Amino acid sequence: MKEQLQAGFVTTQADCYPSRVHAMPKVLARQDPVVYSDWTTASPLTRAQTESYARDGFLVLPHLLKPGEVVCLQREMAVLQGDTEGVDPELLIREPGSGALRSIFKVHEISRIFTRLAGDRRLAGIARFLLGDEVYIHQSRLNFKPAFRGKEFYWHSDFETWHVEDGMPRMRALSMSIVLTPNRSYNGPLMLIPGSHRQYISCVGETPDNHYVQSLKKQEYGVPDDDSLRALAETGGIETPLGPVGTVILFDCNTMHGSNSNITPFPRSNFFAVYNALSNRLVAPFGGKRPRPDFLAKRGTPQALPIHEGDIA
């Protein structure tokens, strides 16, 4: 147990997943379920899909959105990418060196279209089923990997950062990535290590103050060591989902993933939303540092995400 300062109050919270505190990396067994609900015929996924997600730590749904909805999302993405006037500069992350736009954060609050997408039953309903709880958006963003100059996202478990730097207590969150430009094998698509979600890699190195400022451009802390990554990849392999535009890729918060840089003429862009269980809302960061800004990690007492039916547009 450790005492933590949270909004002026001291709380006591067990750290089940310590990281960045040991001189050597450690591999810890997952202590939480992967699927929190029992499957029934009324579930939003088939039994086979549910079992696949539990086994691999991710699932690919190629045709969840209608073609017209995809066009609408692409049009909205182009508007946001082309005109950032009036957007809080803190929400705009640019590539080191080139200055090209890398990410726009909190996009589900900036855009009505992406607000509807985040709360769509086809996505949020799946999140609610897998997490066994009402959900809220922990983080959202548009990711751009520009042609020729899009930099890599190095291997990492999202949960390690969310736990250490944001105070997410348990592994009861998941991410959904909606493909908005073609994911080709050569333009830096998402890579995942199947089965890696069942082990937690406790990383080395004390987190610097305001680490997020640098890590959003290039992460250097909370990065797994080579031997641990090699062991995970040798056991599970590496998969690269290459579904058509509109494909939804959902993955557990502890699934090891990353992507290569993009030196091709073909950009790669996606909408990215993190659904967290309402019962898993944030406490003080387990790394003992000041919490990261709200656009990276929704704090306070979030409300359950309103879920709706019908087209996104």
Protein backbone atom coordinates (compact mmCIF):
# COMPACT_ATOMS: atom_id res chain seq x y z
CA MET A 1 0.00 0.00 0.00
CA LYS A 2 1.17 3.52 -0.62
CA GLU A 3 -0.13 6.97 0.28
CA GLN A 4 -0.80 9.29 -2.64
CA LEU A 5 -1.83 12.93 -2.85
CA GLN A 6 -4.99 13.31 -4.93
CA ALA A 7 -6.48 16.82 -5.34
CA GLY A 8 -5.31 17.83 -1.88
CA PHE A 9 -6.34 14.58 -0.17
CA VAL A 10 -4.17 11.61 0.80
CA THR A 11 -5.58 8.29 -0.38
CA THR A 12 -4.32 4.75 0.16
CA GLN A 13 -4.15 2.56 -2.91
CA ALA A 14 -2.34 -0.72 -3.51
CA ASP A 15 0.05 -0.62 -6.47
CA CYS A 16 -0.55 -3.97 -8.16
CA TYR A 17 1.61 -3.06 -11.16
CA PRO A 18 4.75 -1.20 -10.02
CA SER A 19 6.98 0.14 -12.78
CA ARG A 20 9.95 2.51 -13.18
CA VAL A 21 10.98 1.74 -9.58
CA HIS A 22 13.42 -1.19 -9.96
CA ALA A 23 17.00 -1.28 -11.23
CA MET A 24 16.15 -4.18 -13.55
CA PRO A 25 13.03 -4.86 -15.63
CA LYS A 26 10.52 -7.36 -14.28
CA VAL A 27 7.79 -9.42 -15.91
CA LEU A 28 4.63 -9.53 -13.77
CA ALA A 29 1.58 -11.71 -14.35
CA ARG A 30 -1.68 -9.94 -15.15
CA GLN A 31 -3.98 -9.86 -12.11
CA ASP A 32 -7.16 -8.70 -13.88
CA PRO A 33 -9.65 -10.29 -16.26
CA VAL A 34 -9.50 -9.52 -19.97
CA VAL A 35 -13.23 -9.93 -20.64
CA TYR A 36 -15.31 -8.79 -17.67
CA SER A 37 -18.74 -9.98 -18.89
CA ASP A 38 -20.07 -13.45 -19.53
CA TRP A 39 -20.90 -14.04 -23.18
CA THR A 40 -24.55 -14.52 -24.13
CA THR A 41 -26.42 -14.58 -27.41
CA ALA A 42 -27.32 -10.93 -26.75
CA SER A 43 -23.66 -9.85 -26.56
CA PRO A 44 -22.43 -7.38 -29.23
CA LEU A 45 -19.65 -9.78 -30.27
CA THR A 46 -19.89 -13.41 -31.29
CA ARG A 47 -18.54 -16.08 -28.98
CA ALA A 48 -15.62 -16.64 -31.37
CA GLN A 49 -14.79 -12.91 -31.45
CA THR A 50 -14.95 -12.70 -27.67
CA GLU A 51 -12.67 -15.70 -27.25
CA SER A 52 -10.26 -14.30 -29.84
CA TYR A 53 -10.05 -10.98 -28.00
CA ALA A 54 -9.47 -12.75 -24.67
CA ARG A 55 -6.73 -14.92 -26.19
CA ASP A 56 -4.87 -12.37 -28.34
CA GLY A 57 -5.61 -9.07 -26.60
CA PHE A 58 -7.05 -7.48 -29.73
CA LEU A 59 -9.76 -7.90 -32.35
CA VAL A 60 -10.21 -6.60 -35.90
CA LEU A 61 -13.70 -5.69 -37.18
CA PRO A 62 -13.39 -4.84 -40.91
CA HIS A 63 -16.87 -3.59 -41.86
CA LEU A 64 -18.39 -2.14 -38.70
CA LEU A 65 -19.00 1.32 -40.24
CA LYS A 66 -20.99 2.10 -43.38
CA PRO A 67 -19.18 3.54 -46.43
CA GLY A 68 -21.07 6.85 -46.15
CA GLU A 69 -20.06 7.17 -42.50
CA VAL A 70 -16.43 6.60 -43.40
CA VAL A 71 -16.59 9.37 -46.01
CA CYS A 72 -18.11 11.69 -43.41
CA LEU A 73 -15.32 10.89 -40.93
CA GLN A 74 -12.63 11.40 -43.57
CA ARG A 75 -14.12 14.77 -44.52
CA GLU A 76 -14.22 15.86 -40.86
CA MET A 77 -10.65 14.68 -40.31
CA ALA A 78 -9.45 16.70 -43.31
CA VAL A 79 -11.19 19.83 -41.99
CA LEU A 80 -9.60 19.45 -38.54
CA GLN A 81 -6.17 18.70 -40.00
CA GLY A 82 -6.29 21.59 -42.43
CA ASP A 83 -7.59 24.28 -40.08
CA THR A 84 -6.39 24.24 -36.47
CA GLU A 85 -7.31 27.89 -35.93
CA GLY A 86 -9.05 28.17 -32.60
CA VAL A 87 -7.86 24.78 -31.31
CA ASP A 88 -5.95 24.93 -28.03
CA PRO A 89 -2.26 24.62 -29.08
CA GLU A 90 -1.68 22.16 -26.22
CA LEU A 91 -3.93 19.67 -28.02
CA LEU A 92 -1.80 19.81 -31.19
CA ILE A 93 1.26 17.54 -31.19
CA ARG A 94 3.77 18.01 -33.99
CA GLU A 95 6.53 15.80 -35.35
CA PRO A 96 10.01 16.58 -34.05
CA GLY A 97 12.06 18.17 -36.82
CA SER A 98 9.47 18.55 -39.59
CA GLY A 99 6.75 20.18 -37.45
CA ALA A 100 4.11 18.15 -39.29
CA LEU A 101 0.92 17.56 -37.33
CA ARG A 102 1.19 14.24 -35.45
CA SER A 103 -1.93 14.21 -33.26
CA ILE A 104 -4.98 16.25 -32.30
CA PHE A 105 -6.16 15.35 -28.80
CA LYS A 106 -9.59 15.57 -27.18
CA VAL A 107 -11.11 15.33 -30.62
CA HIS A 108 -14.34 13.78 -29.29
CA GLU A 109 -15.01 17.15 -27.58
CA ILE A 110 -13.84 19.33 -30.48
CA SER A 111 -15.95 17.72 -33.20
CA ARG A 112 -19.65 16.81 -33.14
CA ILE A 113 -18.97 14.04 -35.67
CA PHE A 114 -16.34 12.40 -33.49
CA THR A 115 -18.52 12.90 -30.41
CA ARG A 116 -21.16 10.76 -32.10
CA LEU A 117 -18.57 8.22 -33.21
CA ALA A 118 -17.22 7.77 -29.66
CA GLY A 119 -20.73 7.20 -28.29
CA ASP A 120 -21.95 4.97 -31.11
CA ARG A 121 -23.41 1.71 -29.75
CA ARG A 122 -21.41 -0.31 -32.26
CA LEU A 123 -18.21 0.87 -30.52
CA ALA A 124 -19.19 1.92 -27.01
CA GLY A 125 -21.51 -1.07 -26.64
CA ILE A 126 -18.61 -3.43 -27.32
CA ALA A 127 -16.45 -1.55 -24.82
CA ARG A 128 -19.18 -1.74 -22.19
CA PHE A 129 -19.55 -5.50 -22.75
CA LEU A 130 -15.82 -6.29 -22.63
CA LEU A 131 -15.21 -4.08 -19.58
CA GLY A 132 -18.36 -5.17 -17.75
CA ASP A 133 -19.30 -1.66 -16.72
CA GLU A 134 -20.51 1.71 -17.91
CA VAL A 135 -17.68 3.48 -19.72
CA TYR A 136 -16.31 6.96 -20.36
CA ILE A 137 -13.71 8.37 -22.73
CA HIS A 138 -10.33 8.44 -21.00
CA GLN A 139 -8.59 9.94 -24.05
CA SER A 140 -9.26 10.54 -27.73
CA ARG A 141 -7.19 11.78 -30.62
CA LEU A 142 -6.66 11.82 -34.34
CA ASN A 143 -3.29 10.31 -35.22
CA PHE A 144 -1.56 11.41 -38.41
CA LYS A 145 1.45 9.65 -39.84
CA PRO A 146 2.31 12.04 -42.68
CA ALA A 147 3.76 10.85 -45.97
CA PHE A 148 7.57 10.73 -46.00
CA ARG A 149 8.04 12.16 -42.48
CA GLY A 150 5.71 10.31 -40.09
CA LYS A 151 7.75 9.05 -37.15
CA GLU A 152 7.38 5.73 -35.36
CA PHE A 153 5.47 4.98 -32.17
CA TYR A 154 7.83 2.69 -30.27
CA TRP A 155 6.67 -0.53 -28.58
CA HIS A 156 4.71 0.09 -25.40
CA SER A 157 1.82 -0.98 -23.20
CA ASP A 158 -0.61 1.92 -22.82
CA PHE A 159 -1.56 0.72 -19.36
CA GLU A 160 2.00 1.09 -18.06
CA THR A 161 1.90 4.82 -18.82
CA TRP A 162 -1.71 5.27 -17.74
CA HIS A 163 -0.97 3.52 -14.44
CA VAL A 164 2.35 5.23 -13.62
CA GLU A 165 1.67 8.72 -15.00
CA ASP A 166 -2.14 8.99 -14.79
CA GLY A 167 -3.18 6.76 -11.88
CA MET A 168 -5.35 4.19 -13.72
CA PRO A 169 -5.70 1.50 -11.01
CA ARG A 170 -6.43 -1.71 -12.93
CA MET A 171 -6.44 -3.20 -16.42
CA ARG A 172 -10.06 -2.39 -17.18
CA ALA A 173 -9.73 -0.18 -20.25
CA LEU A 174 -9.39 -0.69 -23.98
CA SER A 175 -8.57 1.27 -27.11
CA MET A 176 -10.35 1.46 -30.44
CA SER A 177 -8.55 2.59 -33.57
CA ILE A 178 -10.69 3.43 -36.62
CA VAL A 179 -8.74 3.31 -39.87
CA LEU A 180 -9.36 6.48 -41.90
CA THR A 181 -6.70 6.10 -44.62
CA PRO A 182 -5.53 2.80 -46.11
CA ASN A 183 -3.33 0.80 -43.76
CA ARG A 184 -0.68 -0.63 -46.04
CA SER A 185 2.05 -3.04 -45.00
CA TYR A 186 4.65 -0.35 -45.75
CA ASN A 187 3.23 2.96 -44.45
CA GLY A 188 3.66 2.41 -40.73
CA PRO A 189 0.54 0.44 -39.73
CA LEU A 190 -0.23 -0.65 -36.19
CA MET A 191 1.67 -3.74 -35.01
CA LEU A 192 0.53 -5.87 -32.07
CA ILE A 193 2.02 -8.80 -30.16
CA PRO A 194 -0.69 -11.45 -29.60
CA GLY A 195 -0.95 -12.65 -26.01
CA SER A 196 1.28 -9.89 -24.65
CA HIS A 197 -1.61 -8.49 -22.59
CA ARG A 198 -1.26 -11.35 -20.09
CA GLN A 199 2.15 -10.14 -18.89
CA TYR A 200 3.03 -6.73 -17.52
CA ILE A 201 6.51 -5.43 -18.24
CA SER A 202 7.75 -3.37 -15.31
CA CYS A 203 10.10 -0.85 -16.92
CA VAL A 204 13.29 0.82 -15.69
CA GLY A 205 13.98 4.53 -15.19
CA GLU A 206 12.46 7.22 -12.99
CA THR A 207 9.91 9.37 -14.81
CA PRO A 208 11.09 12.97 -15.36
CA ASP A 209 8.83 15.86 -14.45
CA ASN A 210 6.42 16.84 -17.25
CA HIS A 211 7.50 13.76 -19.17
CA TYR A 212 4.42 13.93 -21.41
CA VAL A 213 5.75 16.99 -23.26
CA GLN A 214 8.53 14.87 -24.79
CA SER A 215 6.84 11.44 -24.76
CA LEU A 216 4.04 12.53 -27.10
CA LYS A 217 6.71 13.11 -29.74
CA LYS A 218 9.14 10.36 -28.77
CA GLN A 219 8.74 8.09 -25.77
CA GLU A 220 11.88 7.22 -23.80
CA TYR A 221 10.48 6.19 -20.39
CA GLY A 222 7.96 3.41 -19.94
CA VAL A 223 9.57 1.67 -22.92
CA PRO A 224 10.08 -2.09 -22.46
CA ASP A 225 13.59 -3.51 -22.56
CA ASP A 226 14.82 -5.46 -25.59
CA ASP A 227 14.93 -8.86 -23.86
CA SER A 228 11.35 -8.60 -22.63
CA LEU A 229 10.12 -7.52 -26.05
CA ARG A 230 12.05 -10.32 -27.73
CA ALA A 231 10.51 -12.89 -25.39
CA LEU A 232 6.99 -11.59 -26.01
CA ALA A 233 7.47 -11.57 -29.80
CA GLU A 234 9.07 -15.00 -29.88
CA THR A 235 6.10 -16.39 -27.98
CA GLY A 236 3.24 -14.54 -29.62
CA GLY A 237 4.64 -13.31 -32.92
CA ILE A 238 3.76 -9.92 -34.39
CA GLU A 239 0.56 -9.16 -36.31
CA THR A 240 -0.26 -6.18 -38.51
CA PRO A 241 -3.98 -5.71 -39.20
CA LEU A 242 -4.49 -4.36 -42.72
CA GLY A 243 -8.25 -4.00 -43.05
CA PRO A 244 -9.91 -1.51 -45.41
CA VAL A 245 -10.76 2.08 -44.52
CA GLY A 246 -13.38 2.00 -41.77
CA THR A 247 -11.87 -1.04 -40.07
CA VAL A 248 -12.08 -0.93 -36.27
CA ILE A 249 -9.15 -2.39 -34.34
CA LEU A 250 -9.79 -2.79 -30.63
CA PHE A 251 -7.10 -3.82 -28.19
CA ASP A 252 -6.67 -4.32 -24.47
CA CYS A 253 -4.93 -1.59 -22.50
CA ASN A 254 -1.95 -3.87 -21.76
CA THR A 255 -1.41 -5.26 -25.27
CA MET A 256 2.10 -4.47 -26.49
CA HIS A 257 1.94 -2.45 -29.71
CA GLY A 258 3.80 0.06 -31.85
CA SER A 259 4.31 1.18 -35.44
CA ASN A 260 7.15 1.93 -37.82
CA SER A 261 7.92 5.31 -39.35
CA ASN A 262 6.35 6.20 -42.68
CA ILE A 263 8.80 7.01 -45.45
CA THR A 264 6.27 6.33 -48.21
CA PRO A 265 4.17 8.85 -50.18
CA PHE A 266 1.03 7.42 -48.54
CA PRO A 267 -0.14 8.94 -45.23
CA ARG A 268 -1.69 6.82 -42.49
CA SER A 269 -4.35 8.34 -40.23
CA ASN A 270 -6.76 7.00 -37.66
CA PHE A 271 -9.20 8.02 -34.93
CA PHE A 272 -8.21 6.65 -31.54
CA ALA A 273 -10.48 6.44 -28.49
CA VAL A 274 -9.79 4.95 -25.07
CA TYR A 275 -12.75 3.58 -23.13
CA ASN A 276 -12.26 3.17 -19.39
CA ALA A 277 -14.65 1.46 -16.96
CA LEU A 278 -16.46 3.93 -14.75
CA SER A 279 -15.37 1.88 -11.70
CA ASN A 280 -11.74 2.21 -12.84
CA ARG A 281 -11.56 6.01 -12.79
CA LEU A 282 -8.22 7.59 -12.05
CA VAL A 283 -6.57 8.07 -8.66
CA ALA A 284 -3.25 9.82 -8.04
CA PRO A 285 -0.46 8.70 -10.42
CA PHE A 286 1.36 5.65 -9.07
CA GLY A 287 4.68 7.14 -10.18
CA GLY A 288 4.30 9.92 -7.61
CA LYS A 289 4.46 12.76 -10.13
CA ARG A 290 1.97 15.51 -10.89
CA PRO A 291 -0.96 14.20 -12.98
CA ARG A 292 -0.77 14.74 -16.71
CA PRO A 293 -3.20 17.23 -18.28
CA ASP A 294 -6.87 16.40 -18.68
CA PHE A 295 -6.62 16.06 -22.47
CA LEU A 296 -4.40 13.00 -21.92
CA ALA A 297 -6.28 11.48 -19.01
CA LYS A 298 -9.83 12.37 -17.96
CA ARG A 299 -9.81 13.05 -14.22
CA GLY A 300 -12.36 13.91 -11.58
CA THR A 301 -15.68 12.05 -11.52
CA PRO A 302 -16.54 11.28 -15.14
CA GLN A 303 -20.10 10.47 -16.14
CA ALA A 304 -21.14 7.37 -18.06
CA LEU A 305 -20.83 7.93 -21.81
CA PRO A 306 -24.23 8.46 -23.48
CA ILE A 307 -24.64 5.68 -26.03
CA HIS A 308 -26.82 6.19 -29.10
CA GLU A 309 -28.10 4.33 -32.14
CA GLY A 310 -28.13 5.49 -35.74
CA ASP A 311 -25.73 6.82 -38.32
CA ILE A 312 -22.77 8.98 -37.29
CA ALA A 313 -23.42 11.78 -39.78
